[in-house]
């Protein structure tokens, strides 16, 4: 059983698409997680999620994400649970507009 994700810090940037090949806009989030030691995602080094969020009209969705061990920058072969992904999508929907155009 995993606890809900607590985001300690985050940044968001608009991903430039100079050729307008992709529909909608993409935003890259870097999310530093605050995890309990008993959480299966916990690492002493800390965990960051690097995530791409797409906004097309009124629709928003996570395109992909990676879990990265912060101090080693090692990619972790782990997936989030469905409700964690939903929580991340809701967070991104709330914060993507903070990116500078």
PDB file of N, CA and C in Angstrom:
ATOM      1  N   UNK A   1       0.852  -1.192   0.000  1.00  0.00           N
ATOM      2  CA  UNK A   1       0.000   0.000   0.000  1.00  0.00           C
ATOM      3  C   UNK A   1       0.891   1.248   0.000  1.00  0.00           C
ATOM      4  N   UNK A   2       0.693   2.098  -0.951  1.00  0.00           N
ATOM      5  CA  UNK A   2       1.478   3.314  -1.071  1.00  0.00           C
ATOM      6  C   UNK A   2       0.652   4.494  -0.601  1.00  0.00           C
ATOM      7  N   UNK A   3       1.313   5.430   0.065  1.00  0.00           N
ATOM      8  CA  UNK A   3       0.611   6.636   0.489  1.00  0.00           C
ATOM      9  C   UNK A   3       0.443   7.548  -0.716  1.00  0.00           C
ATOM     10  N   UNK A   4      -0.433   8.537  -0.572  1.00  0.00           N
ATOM     11  CA  UNK A   4      -0.572   9.496  -1.660  1.00  0.00           C
ATOM     12  C   UNK A   4       0.721  10.293  -1.762  1.00  0.00           C
ATOM     13  N   UNK A   5       0.994  10.760  -2.948  1.00  0.00           N
ATOM     14  CA  UNK A   5       2.242  11.477  -3.197  1.00  0.00           C
ATOM     15  C   UNK A   5       2.203  12.863  -2.571  1.00  0.00           C
ATOM     16  N   UNK A   6       3.295  13.224  -1.917  1.00  0.00           N
ATOM     17  CA  UNK A   6       3.454  14.576  -1.394  1.00  0.00           C
ATOM     18  C   UNK A   6       4.571  15.231  -2.182  1.00  0.00           C
ATOM     19  N   UNK A   7       4.257  16.328  -2.837  1.00  0.00           N
ATOM     20  CA  UNK A   7       5.236  17.025  -3.660  1.00  0.00           C
ATOM     21  C   UNK A   7       5.851  18.132  -2.829  1.00  0.00           C
ATOM     22  N   UNK A   8       7.168  18.003  -2.576  1.00  0.00           N
ATOM     23  CA  UNK A   8       7.871  18.969  -1.733  1.00  0.00           C
ATOM     24  C   UNK A   8       8.204  20.229  -2.541  1.00  0.00           C
ATOM     25  N   UNK A   9       8.705  20.051  -3.745  1.00  0.00           N
ATOM     26  CA  UNK A   9       9.066  21.167  -4.627  1.00  0.00           C
ATOM     27  C   UNK A   9       8.764  20.747  -6.048  1.00  0.00           C
ATOM     28  N   UNK A  10       8.563  21.738  -6.907  1.00  0.00           N
ATOM     29  CA  UNK A  10       8.344  21.415  -8.310  1.00  0.00           C
ATOM     30  C   UNK A  10       8.759  22.586  -9.190  1.00  0.00           C
ATOM     31  N   UNK A  11       9.007  22.266 -10.452  1.00  0.00           N
ATOM     32  CA  UNK A  11       9.209  23.308 -11.462  1.00  0.00           C
ATOM     33  C   UNK A  11       8.455  22.850 -12.695  1.00  0.00           C
ATOM     34  N   UNK A  12       8.062  23.809 -13.527  1.00  0.00           N
ATOM     35  CA  UNK A  12       7.344  23.474 -14.761  1.00  0.00           C
ATOM     36  C   UNK A  12       7.827  24.399 -15.866  1.00  0.00           C
ATOM     37  N   UNK A  13       8.057  23.816 -17.033  1.00  0.00           N
ATOM     38  CA  UNK A  13       8.499  24.586 -18.194  1.00  0.00           C
ATOM     39  C   UNK A  13       7.693  24.171 -19.407  1.00  0.00           C
ATOM     40  N   UNK A  14       7.383  25.147 -20.242  1.00  0.00           N
ATOM     41  CA  UNK A  14       6.765  24.846 -21.528  1.00  0.00           C
ATOM     42  C   UNK A  14       7.833  24.231 -22.424  1.00  0.00           C
ATOM     43  N   UNK A  15       7.518  23.091 -23.032  1.00  0.00           N
ATOM     44  CA  UNK A  15       8.448  22.456 -23.960  1.00  0.00           C
ATOM     45  C   UNK A  15       8.260  23.126 -25.316  1.00  0.00           C
ATOM     46  N   UNK A  16       9.334  23.694 -25.830  1.00  0.00           N
ATOM     47  CA  UNK A  16       9.259  24.397 -27.112  1.00  0.00           C
ATOM     48  C   UNK A  16       9.007  23.405 -28.251  1.00  0.00           C
ATOM     49  N   UNK A  17       8.108  23.768 -29.142  1.00  0.00           N
ATOM     50  CA  UNK A  17       7.800  22.962 -30.319  1.00  0.00           C
ATOM     51  C   UNK A  17       7.884  23.891 -31.528  1.00  0.00           C
ATOM     52  N   UNK A  18       9.112  24.246 -31.957  1.00  0.00           N
ATOM     53  CA  UNK A  18       9.286  25.281 -32.985  1.00  0.00           C
ATOM     54  C   UNK A  18       8.619  24.939 -34.315  1.00  0.00           C
ATOM     55  N   UNK A  19       8.448  23.645 -34.601  1.00  0.00           N
ATOM     56  CA  UNK A  19       7.883  23.263 -35.902  1.00  0.00           C
ATOM     57  C   UNK A  19       6.386  22.976 -35.825  1.00  0.00           C
ATOM     58  N   UNK A  20       5.811  23.123 -34.627  1.00  0.00           N
ATOM     59  CA  UNK A  20       4.363  22.919 -34.438  1.00  0.00           C
ATOM     60  C   UNK A  20       3.920  21.552 -34.961  1.00  0.00           C
ATOM     61  N   UNK A  21       4.736  20.541 -34.720  1.00  0.00           N
ATOM     62  CA  UNK A  21       4.430  19.195 -35.206  1.00  0.00           C
ATOM     63  C   UNK A  21       3.380  18.540 -34.311  1.00  0.00           C
ATOM     64  N   UNK A  22       3.467  18.800 -33.033  1.00  0.00           N
ATOM     65  CA  UNK A  22       2.582  18.153 -32.063  1.00  0.00           C
ATOM     66  C   UNK A  22       1.344  19.012 -31.829  1.00  0.00           C
ATOM     67  N   UNK A  23       0.217  18.342 -31.640  1.00  0.00           N
ATOM     68  CA  UNK A  23      -0.979  19.107 -31.296  1.00  0.00           C
ATOM     69  C   UNK A  23      -0.922  19.467 -29.821  1.00  0.00           C
ATOM     70  N   UNK A  24      -1.485  20.603 -29.468  1.00  0.00           N
ATOM     71  CA  UNK A  24      -1.496  21.023 -28.072  1.00  0.00           C
ATOM     72  C   UNK A  24      -0.123  21.512 -27.622  1.00  0.00           C
ATOM     73  N   UNK A  25       0.002  21.694 -26.324  1.00  0.00           N
ATOM     74  CA  UNK A  25       1.263  22.141 -25.731  1.00  0.00           C
ATOM     75  C   UNK A  25       1.737  21.087 -24.743  1.00  0.00           C
ATOM     76  N   UNK A  26       3.047  20.995 -24.598  1.00  0.00           N
ATOM     77  CA  UNK A  26       3.630  20.044 -23.656  1.00  0.00           C
ATOM     78  C   UNK A  26       4.388  20.814 -22.585  1.00  0.00           C
ATOM     79  N   UNK A  27       4.280  20.319 -21.378  1.00  0.00           N
ATOM     80  CA  UNK A  27       4.939  20.934 -20.230  1.00  0.00           C
ATOM     81  C   UNK A  27       5.763  19.872 -19.531  1.00  0.00           C
ATOM     82  N   UNK A  28       7.001  20.253 -19.179  1.00  0.00           N
ATOM     83  CA  UNK A  28       7.845  19.322 -18.431  1.00  0.00           C
ATOM     84  C   UNK A  28       7.849  19.738 -16.972  1.00  0.00           C
ATOM     85  N   UNK A  29       7.463  18.806 -16.128  1.00  0.00           N
ATOM     86  CA  UNK A  29       7.469  19.015 -14.681  1.00  0.00           C
ATOM     87  C   UNK A  29       8.617  18.242 -14.070  1.00  0.00           C
ATOM     88  N   UNK A  30       9.286  18.849 -13.095  1.00  0.00           N
ATOM     89  CA  UNK A  30      10.218  18.144 -12.216  1.00  0.00           C
ATOM     90  C   UNK A  30       9.613  18.240 -10.825  1.00  0.00           C
ATOM     91  N   UNK A  31       9.287  17.093 -10.257  1.00  0.00           N
ATOM     92  CA  UNK A  31       8.576  17.038  -8.980  1.00  0.00           C
ATOM     93  C   UNK A  31       9.429  16.298  -7.958  1.00  0.00           C
ATOM     94  N   UNK A  32       9.823  16.990  -6.905  1.00  0.00           N
ATOM     95  CA  UNK A  32      10.555  16.335  -5.815  1.00  0.00           C
ATOM     96  C   UNK A  32       9.532  15.792  -4.830  1.00  0.00           C
ATOM     97  N   UNK A  33       9.636  14.506  -4.566  1.00  0.00           N
ATOM     98  CA  UNK A  33       8.667  13.859  -3.680  1.00  0.00           C
ATOM     99  C   UNK A  33       9.153  13.845  -2.237  1.00  0.00           C
ATOM    100  N   UNK A  34       8.202  13.942  -1.341  1.00  0.00           N
ATOM    101  CA  UNK A  34       8.464  13.768   0.083  1.00  0.00           C
ATOM    102  C   UNK A  34       7.822  12.432   0.445  1.00  0.00           C
ATOM    103  N   UNK A  35       8.657  11.461   0.812  1.00  0.00           N
ATOM    104  CA  UNK A  35       8.161  10.103   1.037  1.00  0.00           C
ATOM    105  C   UNK A  35       8.502   9.608   2.435  1.00  0.00           C
ATOM    106  N   UNK A  36       7.600   8.812   2.994  1.00  0.00           N
ATOM    107  CA  UNK A  36       7.872   8.155   4.269  1.00  0.00           C
ATOM    108  C   UNK A  36       8.838   6.997   4.026  1.00  0.00           C
ATOM    109  N   UNK A  37       9.617   6.677   5.048  1.00  0.00           N
ATOM    110  CA  UNK A  37      10.590   5.585   4.912  1.00  0.00           C
ATOM    111  C   UNK A  37       9.931   4.255   4.588  1.00  0.00           C
ATOM    112  N   UNK A  38       8.670   4.069   4.981  1.00  0.00           N
ATOM    113  CA  UNK A  38       8.005   2.791   4.707  1.00  0.00           C
ATOM    114  C   UNK A  38       7.318   2.765   3.340  1.00  0.00           C
ATOM    115  N   UNK A  39       7.417   3.845   2.588  1.00  0.00           N
ATOM    116  CA  UNK A  39       6.843   3.893   1.240  1.00  0.00           C
ATOM    117  C   UNK A  39       7.728   3.091   0.298  1.00  0.00           C
ATOM    118  N   UNK A  40       7.113   2.289  -0.585  1.00  0.00           N
ATOM    119  CA  UNK A  40       7.913   1.451  -1.499  1.00  0.00           C
ATOM    120  C   UNK A  40       8.755   2.275  -2.470  1.00  0.00           C
ATOM    121  N   UNK A  41       8.417   3.544  -2.701  1.00  0.00           N
ATOM    122  CA  UNK A  41       9.208   4.405  -3.579  1.00  0.00           C
ATOM    123  C   UNK A  41      10.360   5.086  -2.848  1.00  0.00           C
ATOM    124  N   UNK A  42      10.386   4.975  -1.520  1.00  0.00           N
ATOM    125  CA  UNK A  42      11.360   5.713  -0.719  1.00  0.00           C
ATOM    126  C   UNK A  42      12.795   5.370  -1.087  1.00  0.00           C
ATOM    127  N   UNK A  43      13.634   6.392  -1.148  1.00  0.00           N
ATOM    128  CA  UNK A  43      15.077   6.225  -1.320  1.00  0.00           C
ATOM    129  C   UNK A  43      15.757   7.281  -0.460  1.00  0.00           C
ATOM    130  N   UNK A  44      16.853   6.911   0.192  1.00  0.00           N
ATOM    131  CA  UNK A  44      17.608   7.857   1.011  1.00  0.00           C
ATOM    132  C   UNK A  44      18.067   9.039   0.149  1.00  0.00           C
ATOM    133  N   UNK A  45      18.371   8.765  -1.120  1.00  0.00           N
ATOM    134  CA  UNK A  45      18.846   9.804  -2.029  1.00  0.00           C
ATOM    135  C   UNK A  45      17.744  10.790  -2.430  1.00  0.00           C
ATOM    136  N   UNK A  46      16.504  10.413  -2.230  1.00  0.00           N
ATOM    137  CA  UNK A  46      15.388  11.251  -2.661  1.00  0.00           C
ATOM    138  C   UNK A  46      14.918  10.844  -4.049  1.00  0.00           C
ATOM    139  N   UNK A  47      13.654  11.102  -4.332  1.00  0.00           N
ATOM    140  CA  UNK A  47      13.054  10.715  -5.608  1.00  0.00           C
ATOM    141  C   UNK A  47      12.479  11.952  -6.301  1.00  0.00           C
ATOM    142  N   UNK A  48      12.781  12.079  -7.571  1.00  0.00           N
ATOM    143  CA  UNK A  48      12.216  13.128  -8.413  1.00  0.00           C
ATOM    144  C   UNK A  48      11.426  12.457  -9.521  1.00  0.00           C
ATOM    145  N   UNK A  49      10.303  13.049  -9.879  1.00  0.00           N
ATOM    146  CA  UNK A  49       9.565  12.580 -11.043  1.00  0.00           C
ATOM    147  C   UNK A  49       9.758  13.602 -12.157  1.00  0.00           C
ATOM    148  N   UNK A  50      10.213  13.131 -13.300  1.00  0.00           N
ATOM    149  CA  UNK A  50      10.309  13.966 -14.501  1.00  0.00           C
ATOM    150  C   UNK A  50       9.123  13.560 -15.366  1.00  0.00           C
ATOM    151  N   UNK A  51       8.254  14.520 -15.643  1.00  0.00           N
ATOM    152  CA  UNK A  51       6.969  14.200 -16.233  1.00  0.00           C
ATOM    153  C   UNK A  51       6.656  15.157 -17.382  1.00  0.00           C
ATOM    154  N   UNK A  52       6.078  14.621 -18.452  1.00  0.00           N
ATOM    155  CA  UNK A  52       5.605  15.463 -19.552  1.00  0.00           C
ATOM    156  C   UNK A  52       4.080  15.431 -19.525  1.00  0.00           C
ATOM    157  N   UNK A  53       3.499  16.635 -19.501  1.00  0.00           N
ATOM    158  CA  UNK A  53       2.052  16.816 -19.437  1.00  0.00           C
ATOM    159  C   UNK A  53       1.607  17.546 -20.689  1.00  0.00           C
ATOM    160  N   UNK A  54       0.584  17.019 -21.356  1.00  0.00           N
ATOM    161  CA  UNK A  54       0.086  17.599 -22.606  1.00  0.00           C
ATOM    162  C   UNK A  54      -1.245  18.293 -22.348  1.00  0.00           C
ATOM    163  N   UNK A  55      -1.383  19.492 -22.902  1.00  0.00           N
ATOM    164  CA  UNK A  55      -2.652  20.216 -22.835  1.00  0.00           C
ATOM    165  C   UNK A  55      -3.081  20.507 -24.267  1.00  0.00           C
ATOM    166  N   UNK A  56      -4.270  20.048 -24.608  1.00  0.00           N
ATOM    167  CA  UNK A  56      -4.819  20.254 -25.950  1.00  0.00           C
ATOM    168  C   UNK A  56      -6.250  20.730 -25.775  1.00  0.00           C
ATOM    169  N   UNK A  57      -6.469  22.018 -25.984  1.00  0.00           N
ATOM    170  CA  UNK A  57      -7.799  22.576 -25.737  1.00  0.00           C
ATOM    171  C   UNK A  57      -8.114  22.498 -24.253  1.00  0.00           C
ATOM    172  N   UNK A  58      -9.221  21.866 -23.912  1.00  0.00           N
ATOM    173  CA  UNK A  58      -9.622  21.711 -22.509  1.00  0.00           C
ATOM    174  C   UNK A  58      -9.053  20.438 -21.889  1.00  0.00           C
ATOM    175  N   UNK A  59      -8.485  19.580 -22.704  1.00  0.00           N
ATOM    176  CA  UNK A  59      -8.011  18.284 -22.229  1.00  0.00           C
ATOM    177  C   UNK A  59      -6.560  18.336 -21.785  1.00  0.00           C
ATOM    178  N   UNK A  60      -6.258  17.679 -20.685  1.00  0.00           N
ATOM    179  CA  UNK A  60      -4.893  17.549 -20.211  1.00  0.00           C
ATOM    180  C   UNK A  60      -4.623  16.107 -19.831  1.00  0.00           C
ATOM    181  N   UNK A  61      -3.400  15.644 -20.074  1.00  0.00           N
ATOM    182  CA  UNK A  61      -3.055  14.262 -19.738  1.00  0.00           C
ATOM    183  C   UNK A  61      -1.546  14.115 -19.598  1.00  0.00           C
ATOM    184  N   UNK A  62      -1.154  13.138 -18.809  1.00  0.00           N
ATOM    185  CA  UNK A  62       0.265  12.801 -18.674  1.00  0.00           C
ATOM    186  C   UNK A  62       0.678  12.012 -19.914  1.00  0.00           C
ATOM    187  N   UNK A  63       1.741  12.473 -20.574  1.00  0.00           N
ATOM    188  CA  UNK A  63       2.263  11.762 -21.742  1.00  0.00           C
ATOM    189  C   UNK A  63       3.186  10.639 -21.272  1.00  0.00           C
ATOM    190  N   UNK A  64       4.111  10.975 -20.390  1.00  0.00           N
ATOM    191  CA  UNK A  64       4.992   9.972 -19.801  1.00  0.00           C
ATOM    192  C   UNK A  64       5.667  10.558 -18.563  1.00  0.00           C
ATOM    193  N   UNK A  65       6.252   9.670 -17.784  1.00  0.00           N
ATOM    194  CA  UNK A  65       6.991  10.117 -16.600  1.00  0.00           C
ATOM    195  C   UNK A  65       8.080   9.112 -16.281  1.00  0.00           C
ATOM    196  N   UNK A  66       9.106   9.594 -15.594  1.00  0.00           N
ATOM    197  CA  UNK A  66      10.187   8.743 -15.107  1.00  0.00           C
ATOM    198  C   UNK A  66      10.423   9.069 -13.649  1.00  0.00           C
ATOM    199  N   UNK A  67      10.707   8.040 -12.875  1.00  0.00           N
ATOM    200  CA  UNK A  67      11.125   8.237 -11.491  1.00  0.00           C
ATOM    201  C   UNK A  67      12.640   8.176 -11.470  1.00  0.00           C
ATOM    202  N   UNK A  68      13.243   9.178 -10.839  1.00  0.00           N
ATOM    203  CA  UNK A  68      14.697   9.309 -10.850  1.00  0.00           C
ATOM    204  C   UNK A  68      15.193   9.470  -9.417  1.00  0.00           C
ATOM    205  N   UNK A  69      16.228   8.704  -9.074  1.00  0.00           N
ATOM    206  CA  UNK A  69      16.876   8.862  -7.780  1.00  0.00           C
ATOM    207  C   UNK A  69      17.666  10.165  -7.827  1.00  0.00           C
ATOM    208  N   UNK A  70      17.364  11.074  -6.913  1.00  0.00           N
ATOM    209  CA  UNK A  70      17.851  12.449  -7.024  1.00  0.00           C
ATOM    210  C   UNK A  70      19.376  12.560  -7.051  1.00  0.00           C
ATOM    211  N   UNK A  71      20.062  12.040  -6.069  1.00  0.00           N
ATOM    212  CA  UNK A  71      21.505  12.298  -5.991  1.00  0.00           C
ATOM    213  C   UNK A  71      22.309  11.510  -7.017  1.00  0.00           C
ATOM    214  N   UNK A  72      21.796  10.357  -7.470  1.00  0.00           N
ATOM    215  CA  UNK A  72      22.543   9.546  -8.444  1.00  0.00           C
ATOM    216  C   UNK A  72      22.055   9.767  -9.868  1.00  0.00           C
ATOM    217  N   UNK A  73      20.885  10.408 -10.019  1.00  0.00           N
ATOM    218  CA  UNK A  73      20.226  10.606 -11.318  1.00  0.00           C
ATOM    219  C   UNK A  73      19.975   9.289 -12.033  1.00  0.00           C
ATOM    220  N   UNK A  74      19.817   8.222 -11.240  1.00  0.00           N
ATOM    221  CA  UNK A  74      19.546   6.893 -11.799  1.00  0.00           C
ATOM    222  C   UNK A  74      18.043   6.752 -12.036  1.00  0.00           C
ATOM    223  N   UNK A  75      17.677   6.304 -13.244  1.00  0.00           N
ATOM    224  CA  UNK A  75      16.263   6.069 -13.549  1.00  0.00           C
ATOM    225  C   UNK A  75      15.810   4.790 -12.859  1.00  0.00           C
ATOM    226  N   UNK A  76      14.654   4.843 -12.243  1.00  0.00           N
ATOM    227  CA  UNK A  76      14.128   3.695 -11.525  1.00  0.00           C
ATOM    228  C   UNK A  76      13.049   3.022 -12.369  1.00  0.00           C
ATOM    229  N   UNK A  77      13.094   1.713 -12.413  1.00  0.00           N
ATOM    230  CA  UNK A  77      12.138   0.956 -13.213  1.00  0.00           C
ATOM    231  C   UNK A  77      10.897   0.670 -12.373  1.00  0.00           C
ATOM    232  N   UNK A  78      10.170   1.731 -12.040  1.00  0.00           N
ATOM    233  CA  UNK A  78       8.983   1.608 -11.201  1.00  0.00           C
ATOM    234  C   UNK A  78       7.828   2.344 -11.855  1.00  0.00           C
ATOM    235  N   UNK A  79       6.640   1.846 -11.628  1.00  0.00           N
ATOM    236  CA  UNK A  79       5.436   2.531 -12.087  1.00  0.00           C
ATOM    237  C   UNK A  79       4.638   2.980 -10.883  1.00  0.00           C
ATOM    238  N   UNK A  80       3.936   4.080 -11.056  1.00  0.00           N
ATOM    239  CA  UNK A  80       3.048   4.559 -10.008  1.00  0.00           C
ATOM    240  C   UNK A  80       1.723   3.823 -10.095  1.00  0.00           C
ATOM    241  N   UNK A  81       1.011   3.807  -8.988  1.00  0.00           N
ATOM    242  CA  UNK A  81      -0.322   3.216  -8.984  1.00  0.00           C
ATOM    243  C   UNK A  81      -1.285   4.180  -9.664  1.00  0.00           C
ATOM    244  N   UNK A  82      -2.413   3.647 -10.129  1.00  0.00           N
ATOM    245  CA  UNK A  82      -3.391   4.443 -10.887  1.00  0.00           C
ATOM    246  C   UNK A  82      -3.810   5.699 -10.128  1.00  0.00           C
ATOM    247  N   UNK A  83      -4.078   5.563  -8.824  1.00  0.00           N
ATOM    248  CA  UNK A  83      -4.532   6.749  -8.077  1.00  0.00           C
ATOM    249  C   UNK A  83      -3.413   7.770  -7.901  1.00  0.00           C
ATOM    250  N   UNK A  84      -2.149   7.310  -7.875  1.00  0.00           N
ATOM    251  CA  UNK A  84      -1.021   8.239  -7.809  1.00  0.00           C
ATOM    252  C   UNK A  84      -0.892   8.993  -9.135  1.00  0.00           C
ATOM    253  N   UNK A  85      -1.088   8.281 -10.242  1.00  0.00           N
ATOM    254  CA  UNK A  85      -1.045   8.938 -11.547  1.00  0.00           C
ATOM    255  C   UNK A  85      -2.167   9.967 -11.667  1.00  0.00           C
ATOM    256  N   UNK A  86      -3.354   9.620 -11.158  1.00  0.00           N
ATOM    257  CA  UNK A  86      -4.474  10.563 -11.181  1.00  0.00           C
ATOM    258  C   UNK A  86      -4.158  11.804 -10.352  1.00  0.00           C
ATOM    259  N   UNK A  87      -3.522  11.606  -9.204  1.00  0.00           N
ATOM    260  CA  UNK A  87      -3.154  12.735  -8.340  1.00  0.00           C
ATOM    261  C   UNK A  87      -2.121  13.620  -9.046  1.00  0.00           C
ATOM    262  N   UNK A  88      -1.157  12.999  -9.731  1.00  0.00           N
ATOM    263  CA  UNK A  88      -0.168  13.765 -10.478  1.00  0.00           C
ATOM    264  C   UNK A  88      -0.826  14.554 -11.607  1.00  0.00           C
ATOM    265  N   UNK A  89      -1.746  13.923 -12.332  1.00  0.00           N
ATOM    266  CA  UNK A  89      -2.440  14.600 -13.434  1.00  0.00           C
ATOM    267  C   UNK A  89      -3.211  15.803 -12.902  1.00  0.00           C
ATOM    268  N   UNK A  90      -3.856  15.642 -11.751  1.00  0.00           N
ATOM    269  CA  UNK A  90      -4.603  16.749 -11.146  1.00  0.00           C
ATOM    270  C   UNK A  90      -3.651  17.872 -10.747  1.00  0.00           C
ATOM    271  N   UNK A  91      -2.496  17.511 -10.192  1.00  0.00           N
ATOM    272  CA  UNK A  91      -1.490  18.511  -9.815  1.00  0.00           C
ATOM    273  C   UNK A  91      -1.029  19.279 -11.048  1.00  0.00           C
ATOM    274  N   UNK A  92      -0.722  18.552 -12.123  1.00  0.00           N
ATOM    275  CA  UNK A  92      -0.243  19.187 -13.352  1.00  0.00           C
ATOM    276  C   UNK A  92      -1.308  20.101 -13.941  1.00  0.00           C
ATOM    277  N   UNK A  93      -2.552  19.653 -13.909  1.00  0.00           N
ATOM    278  CA  UNK A  93      -3.651  20.463 -14.448  1.00  0.00           C
ATOM    279  C   UNK A  93      -3.745  21.784 -13.691  1.00  0.00           C
ATOM    280  N   UNK A  94      -3.483  21.721 -12.396  1.00  0.00           N
ATOM    281  CA  UNK A  94      -3.577  22.907 -11.544  1.00  0.00           C
ATOM    282  C   UNK A  94      -2.393  23.863 -11.750  1.00  0.00           C
ATOM    283  N   UNK A  95      -1.231  23.328 -12.161  1.00  0.00           N
ATOM    284  CA  UNK A  95      -0.004  24.135 -12.152  1.00  0.00           C
ATOM    285  C   UNK A  95       0.652  24.373 -13.510  1.00  0.00           C
ATOM    286  N   UNK A  96       0.181  23.727 -14.592  1.00  0.00           N
ATOM    287  CA  UNK A  96       0.891  23.890 -15.868  1.00  0.00           C
ATOM    288  C   UNK A  96       0.911  25.347 -16.337  1.00  0.00           C
ATOM    289  N   UNK A  97      -0.124  26.104 -15.988  1.00  0.00           N
ATOM    290  CA  UNK A  97      -0.206  27.492 -16.457  1.00  0.00           C
ATOM    291  C   UNK A  97       0.807  28.418 -15.777  1.00  0.00           C
ATOM    292  N   UNK A  98       1.607  27.867 -14.843  1.00  0.00           N
ATOM    293  CA  UNK A  98       2.667  28.656 -14.212  1.00  0.00           C
ATOM    294  C   UNK A  98       3.918  28.715 -15.086  1.00  0.00           C
ATOM    295  N   UNK A  99       3.954  27.884 -16.136  1.00  0.00           N
ATOM    296  CA  UNK A  99       5.104  27.889 -17.043  1.00  0.00           C
ATOM    297  C   UNK A  99       5.096  29.171 -17.855  1.00  0.00           C
ATOM    298  N   UNK A 100       6.270  29.671 -18.147  1.00  0.00           N
ATOM    299  CA  UNK A 100       6.359  30.888 -18.961  1.00  0.00           C
ATOM    300  C   UNK A 100       6.206  30.510 -20.432  1.00  0.00           C
ATOM    301  N   UNK A 101       5.402  31.283 -21.124  1.00  0.00           N
ATOM    302  CA  UNK A 101       5.145  31.016 -22.553  1.00  0.00           C
ATOM    303  C   UNK A 101       6.369  31.368 -23.374  1.00  0.00           C
TER     304      UNK A 101
END
